[in-house]
C-alpha atoms as a PDB file:
ATOM      1  CA  MET A   1      45.502-115.291-136.833  1.00  0.00           C
ATOM      2  CA  PHE A   2      47.676-114.286-139.732  1.00  0.00           C
ATOM      3  CA  ILE A   3      48.973-110.909-140.447  1.00  0.00           C
ATOM      4  CA  GLU A   4      50.790-111.074-144.075  1.00  0.00           C
ATOM      5  CA  ASN A   5      54.559-109.470-143.685  1.00  0.00           C
ATOM      6  CA  TYR A   6      54.195-109.437-139.515  1.00  0.00           C
ATOM      7  CA  GLU A   7      58.012-109.484-139.258  1.00  0.00           C
ATOM      8  CA  GLY A   8      58.515-106.499-141.838  1.00  0.00           C
ATOM      9  CA  ARG A   9      55.617-104.632-140.448  1.00  0.00           C
ATOM     10  CA  SER A  10      56.907-104.948-136.756  1.00  0.00           C
ATOM     11  CA  ARG A  11      60.511-104.824-137.301  1.00  0.00           C
ATOM     12  CA  SER A  12      60.888-101.309-136.029  1.00  0.00           C
ATOM     13  CA  LEU A  13      58.849-102.023-132.795  1.00  0.00           C
ATOM     14  CA  TYR A  14      61.175-104.499-131.876  1.00  0.00           C
ATOM     15  CA  GLU A  15      64.253-102.032-132.319  1.00  0.00           C
ATOM     16  CA  VAL A  16      62.777-100.324-129.208  1.00  0.00           C
ATOM     17  CA  VAL A  17      63.581-103.296-126.998  1.00  0.00           C
ATOM     18  CA  LYS A  18      67.154-102.719-127.572  1.00  0.00           C
ATOM     19  CA  GLN A  19      67.089 -99.174-126.576  1.00  0.00           C
ATOM     20  CA  PHE A  20      63.555 -97.253-125.849  1.00  0.00           C
ATOM     21  CA  ARG A  21      63.010 -94.865-128.494  1.00  0.00           C
ATOM     22  CA  TRP A  22      59.420 -94.148-129.874  1.00  0.00           C
ATOM     23  CA  GLY A  23      59.827 -92.230-133.314  1.00  0.00           C
ATOM     24  CA  ASP A  24      57.895 -91.868-136.383  1.00  0.00           C
ATOM     25  CA  ASP A  25      58.697 -95.301-137.655  1.00  0.00           C
ATOM     26  CA  GLN A  26      57.443 -97.017-134.661  1.00  0.00           C
ATOM     27  CA  GLU A  27      54.224 -94.991-134.675  1.00  0.00           C
ATOM     28  CA  ALA A  28      53.809 -95.797-138.411  1.00  0.00           C
ATOM     29  CA  ALA A  29      54.457 -99.596-137.800  1.00  0.00           C
ATOM     30  CA  PHE A  30      52.151 -99.531-134.673  1.00  0.00           C
ATOM     31  CA  LEU A  31      49.258 -98.010-136.738  1.00  0.00           C
ATOM     32  CA  ASP A  32      49.729-100.168-139.556  1.00  0.00           C
ATOM     33  CA  LEU A  33      49.629-103.304-137.113  1.00  0.00           C
ATOM     34  CA  LYS A  34      46.475-102.233-135.659  1.00  0.00           C
ATOM     35  CA  LYS A  35      44.949-101.654-138.888  1.00  0.00           C
ATOM     36  CA  ALA A  36      45.700-105.042-140.148  1.00  0.00           C
ATOM     37  CA  LEU A  37      44.280-106.898-137.155  1.00  0.00           C
ATOM     38  CA  VAL A  38      40.875-105.190-138.030  1.00  0.00           C
ATOM     39  CA  GLU A  39      40.670-105.998-141.751  1.00  0.00           C
ATOM     40  CA  ALA A  40      40.094-109.270-143.608  1.00  0.00           C
ATOM     41  CA  PRO A  41      41.097-112.064-143.601  1.00  0.00           C
ATOM     42  CA  VAL A  42      42.221-111.732-139.911  1.00  0.00           C
ATOM     43  CA  LEU A  43      38.720-111.373-138.921  1.00  0.00           C
ATOM     44  CA  GLY A  44      36.638-114.392-139.573  1.00  0.00           C
ATOM     45  CA  LEU A  45      35.048-117.321-137.663  1.00  0.00           C
ATOM     46  CA  LEU A  46      36.825-120.462-136.866  1.00  0.00           C
ATOM     47  CA  ASN A  47      35.566-123.533-138.764  1.00  0.00           C
ATOM     48  CA  ARG A  48      35.410-125.743-135.718  1.00  0.00           C
ATOM     49  CA  THR A  49      35.165-128.920-137.602  1.00  0.00           C
ATOM     50  CA  THR A  50      38.318-128.379-139.620  1.00  0.00           C
ATOM     51  CA  ARG A  51      41.790-129.688-137.903  1.00  0.00           C
ATOM     52  CA  LEU A  52      43.890-126.902-136.336  1.00  0.00           C
ATOM     53  CA  CYS A  53      47.623-126.739-136.956  1.00  0.00           C
ATOM     54  CA  TRP A  54      50.304-124.621-134.914  1.00  0.00           C
ATOM     55  CA  THR A  55      54.019-123.496-135.477  1.00  0.00           C
ATOM     56  CA  ARG A  56      56.446-121.530-133.612  1.00  0.00           C
ATOM     57  CA  MET A  57      57.592-118.366-135.670  1.00  0.00           C
ATOM     58  CA  ARG A  58      60.348-116.239-134.035  1.00  0.00           C
ATOM     59  CA  LEU A  59      58.457-114.630-130.955  1.00  0.00           C
ATOM     60  CA  THR A  60      54.938-115.221-132.497  1.00  0.00           C
ATOM     61  CA  ARG A  61      52.852-118.399-132.437  1.00  0.00           C
ATOM     62  CA  LEU A  62      50.213-118.981-135.480  1.00  0.00           C
ATOM     63  CA  LEU A  63      47.139-121.140-135.157  1.00  0.00           C
ATOM     64  CA  VAL A  64      45.750-121.999-138.752  1.00  0.00           C
ATOM     65  CA  GLU A  65      43.280-123.987-140.003  1.00  0.00           C
ATOM     66  CA  CYS A  66      44.838-126.833-141.993  1.00  0.00           C
END
């Protein structure tokens, strides 16, 4: 699954880990990420005949069709 600009979209969510605070910025980022998860190109069927690659990117893992 790939979400374009994930780091930028979720940055304010990671700020609450330091000291819990849920404000307008966090709510907006949360709603934006929820919306991105149900829109194309995130939703799609995996082509099981292609080779899969993975990489570690900060705190996330990304599995993509190569």
